[in-house]
Protein backbone atom coordinates (compact mmCIF):
# COMPACT_ATOMS: atom_id res chain seq x y z
CA MET A 1 5.35 -27.14 -11.68
CA GLU A 2 6.44 -25.78 -15.06
CA CYS A 3 3.18 -23.86 -15.30
CA LEU A 4 3.34 -22.59 -11.73
CA ARG A 5 6.92 -21.39 -12.18
CA LEU A 6 6.08 -19.12 -15.11
CA ARG A 7 7.19 -15.54 -14.69
CA VAL A 8 5.66 -12.55 -16.45
CA GLN A 9 8.68 -12.24 -18.73
CA ASP A 10 8.17 -15.83 -19.92
CA ILE A 11 4.99 -14.89 -21.77
CA ASP A 12 5.41 -13.16 -25.12
CA PHE A 13 2.00 -11.95 -26.31
CA ALA A 14 3.49 -10.37 -29.46
CA ARG A 15 4.81 -13.73 -30.66
CA ASN A 16 2.14 -15.90 -28.96
CA GLU A 17 4.84 -17.86 -27.16
CA ILE A 18 5.52 -19.12 -23.67
CA THR A 19 9.05 -19.91 -22.54
CA VAL A 20 9.08 -22.85 -20.16
CA ARG A 21 12.24 -22.76 -18.05
CA GLY A 22 13.86 -25.75 -16.42
CA GLY A 23 11.41 -28.26 -17.88
CA LYS A 24 11.99 -31.93 -18.53
CA GLY A 25 15.72 -32.59 -18.54
CA SER A 26 16.29 -29.17 -16.92
CA LYS A 27 16.01 -27.57 -20.35
CA ASP A 28 14.22 -24.43 -21.47
CA ARG A 29 11.79 -24.70 -24.34
CA ILE A 30 9.35 -22.46 -26.17
CA THR A 31 5.76 -23.46 -26.74
CA MET A 32 2.81 -21.74 -28.33
CA LEU A 33 0.35 -19.55 -26.47
CA PRO A 34 -3.07 -20.59 -27.78
CA GLU A 35 -5.14 -17.68 -29.08
CA SER A 36 -8.07 -18.86 -26.92
CA LEU A 37 -5.99 -18.28 -23.76
CA ARG A 38 -4.52 -14.93 -24.76
CA LYS A 39 -7.32 -12.67 -23.44
CA PRO A 40 -8.03 -14.63 -20.22
CA LEU A 41 -4.30 -14.66 -19.43
CA GLN A 42 -3.98 -10.92 -20.11
CA ASP A 43 -6.97 -10.28 -17.82
CA ASP A 44 -5.46 -12.48 -15.10
CA LEU A 45 -2.12 -10.68 -15.38
CA LYS A 46 -3.89 -7.34 -14.87
CA MET A 47 -5.19 -8.64 -11.52
CA VAL A 48 -1.75 -10.04 -10.62
CA ARG A 49 -0.16 -6.69 -11.48
CA ALA A 50 -2.63 -4.89 -9.21
CA ILE A 51 -1.64 -7.24 -6.36
CA HIS A 52 2.04 -6.61 -7.09
CA GLU A 53 1.58 -2.83 -7.15
CA LYS A 54 -0.33 -3.00 -3.86
CA ASP A 55 2.49 -5.08 -2.36
CA LEU A 56 5.05 -2.52 -3.59
CA ALA A 57 3.02 0.35 -2.11
CA GLU A 58 3.08 -1.49 1.21
CA GLY A 59 6.86 -1.92 0.95
CA TRP A 60 6.94 -5.56 -0.18
CA GLY A 61 6.49 -7.04 -3.66
CA ARG A 62 9.63 -9.18 -3.85
CA VAL A 63 10.13 -12.59 -5.45
CA LEU A 64 12.98 -15.02 -5.06
CA LEU A 65 15.24 -15.18 -8.11
CA PRO A 66 17.19 -18.08 -9.58
CA ASP A 67 20.87 -18.58 -8.84
CA ALA A 68 22.64 -15.32 -7.98
CA SER A 69 20.41 -13.06 -10.07
CA ASP A 70 19.31 -11.04 -7.05
CA ARG A 71 22.95 -10.16 -6.28
CA LYS A 72 23.71 -9.38 -9.93
CA TYR A 73 20.51 -7.34 -10.42
CA PRO A 74 19.57 -5.88 -6.99
CA ASN A 75 16.29 -4.31 -8.20
CA ALA A 76 15.10 -7.38 -10.13
CA PRO A 77 13.16 -9.00 -7.22
CA VAL A 78 10.64 -6.14 -7.29
CA GLU A 79 10.44 -5.70 -11.08
CA TRP A 80 7.15 -6.65 -12.74
CA ARG A 81 8.78 -8.91 -15.33
CA TRP A 82 10.21 -11.21 -12.63
CA GLN A 83 6.88 -11.70 -10.82
CA TRP A 84 5.08 -15.03 -10.88
CA VAL A 85 2.17 -15.44 -13.30
CA PHE A 86 0.40 -17.52 -10.63
CA PRO A 87 1.41 -16.02 -7.25
CA GLN A 88 0.50 -17.33 -3.83
CA GLU A 89 -2.40 -15.70 -2.09
CA ASN A 90 -0.29 -14.97 1.01
CA ARG A 91 3.13 -13.34 1.24
CA TRP A 92 6.19 -15.05 2.67
CA LYS A 93 8.36 -13.35 5.26
CA ASN A 94 12.09 -13.71 5.75
CA THR A 95 12.50 -13.70 9.54
CA LYS A 96 16.15 -12.58 9.32
CA THR A 97 15.69 -9.61 6.97
CA THR A 98 11.95 -9.01 7.59
CA GLU A 99 11.47 -8.78 3.80
CA GLU A 100 8.15 -10.02 2.47
CA GLY A 101 7.21 -11.17 -1.00
CA ARG A 102 5.27 -13.78 -2.89
CA HIS A 103 6.15 -17.21 -4.12
CA HIS A 104 4.31 -19.05 -6.87
CA MET A 105 1.09 -20.93 -6.11
CA ASP A 106 1.59 -24.23 -4.31
CA GLU A 107 1.28 -27.24 -6.58
CA SER A 108 -1.25 -28.94 -4.29
CA ILE A 109 -3.76 -26.17 -5.05
CA MET A 110 -3.41 -26.77 -8.78
CA GLN A 111 -3.62 -30.55 -8.35
CA ARG A 112 -6.80 -30.26 -6.30
CA THR A 113 -8.37 -27.86 -8.81
CA VAL A 114 -7.62 -30.17 -11.75
CA LYS A 115 -9.01 -33.16 -9.85
CA GLU A 116 -12.23 -31.27 -9.08
CA ALA A 117 -12.55 -30.11 -12.71
CA VAL A 118 -12.06 -33.64 -14.05
CA THR A 119 -14.70 -34.98 -11.65
CA ALA A 120 -17.15 -32.17 -12.45
CA SER A 121 -16.70 -32.67 -16.20
CA GLY A 122 -17.75 -36.32 -16.05
CA ILE A 123 -14.50 -37.55 -17.62
CA THR A 124 -14.19 -41.21 -16.68
CA LYS A 125 -10.48 -41.57 -17.46
CA ARG A 126 -7.91 -40.91 -14.79
CA ALA A 127 -6.46 -37.45 -15.35
CA SER A 128 -4.09 -35.25 -13.39
CA CYS A 129 -1.84 -32.25 -14.01
CA HIS A 130 0.73 -34.61 -15.51
CA THR A 131 -1.85 -35.82 -18.05
CA PHE A 132 -1.64 -32.46 -19.83
CA ARG A 133 2.00 -33.13 -20.74
CA HIS A 134 0.84 -35.76 -23.21
CA PRO A 135 -1.03 -34.57 -26.32
CA SER A 136 -2.53 -38.01 -26.99
CA PHE A 137 -4.09 -38.63 -23.59
CA GLY A 138 -7.48 -39.14 -25.26
CA ILE A 139 -9.45 -36.44 -23.49
CA ARG A 140 -10.76 -33.60 -25.60
CA LEU A 141 -11.21 -30.39 -23.64
C-alpha cells in the first residue's frame, strides 16, 4: 500500500529520493530512488500526466486528499503534484456532488501482478508484495 499511495510530489528526481508517507508505525520516511528506475518512472509519469490532463479537460481530474487538506487548499485536488503515481484505470464518482476523480490502483491488482511475475520467473520461494519490505529475503531480482 505504501507504493500505491505514492503521490507525484513524493518523488524527488533531483535528489533521487522517494518520500513514503504513513508507513510502518504511521511514520513518514525517505528512501532512495534507484537510478535504474529513474527513467522508467519518468516515462510512466508522463503517461499518468496525460491521463490527468485529459481528465481535467473533461472537467474531472480530482483526487481525495488527506485530513482537511482539500478545505485548506481548495485547488489542491486537481493539482498535478497531488495526483497518484499509480492511478486507477477508472474514475470514481461522488453521487452527492457528481465530482469524478481517480483513486490509486487497488492493491489486489498489484498483488496479482507480483504473484504472476514470481511464478513466471521460476522463483521457488514464496514471495509476495510484503516480501519486498525485507532486504534479506534471499531472492535476487
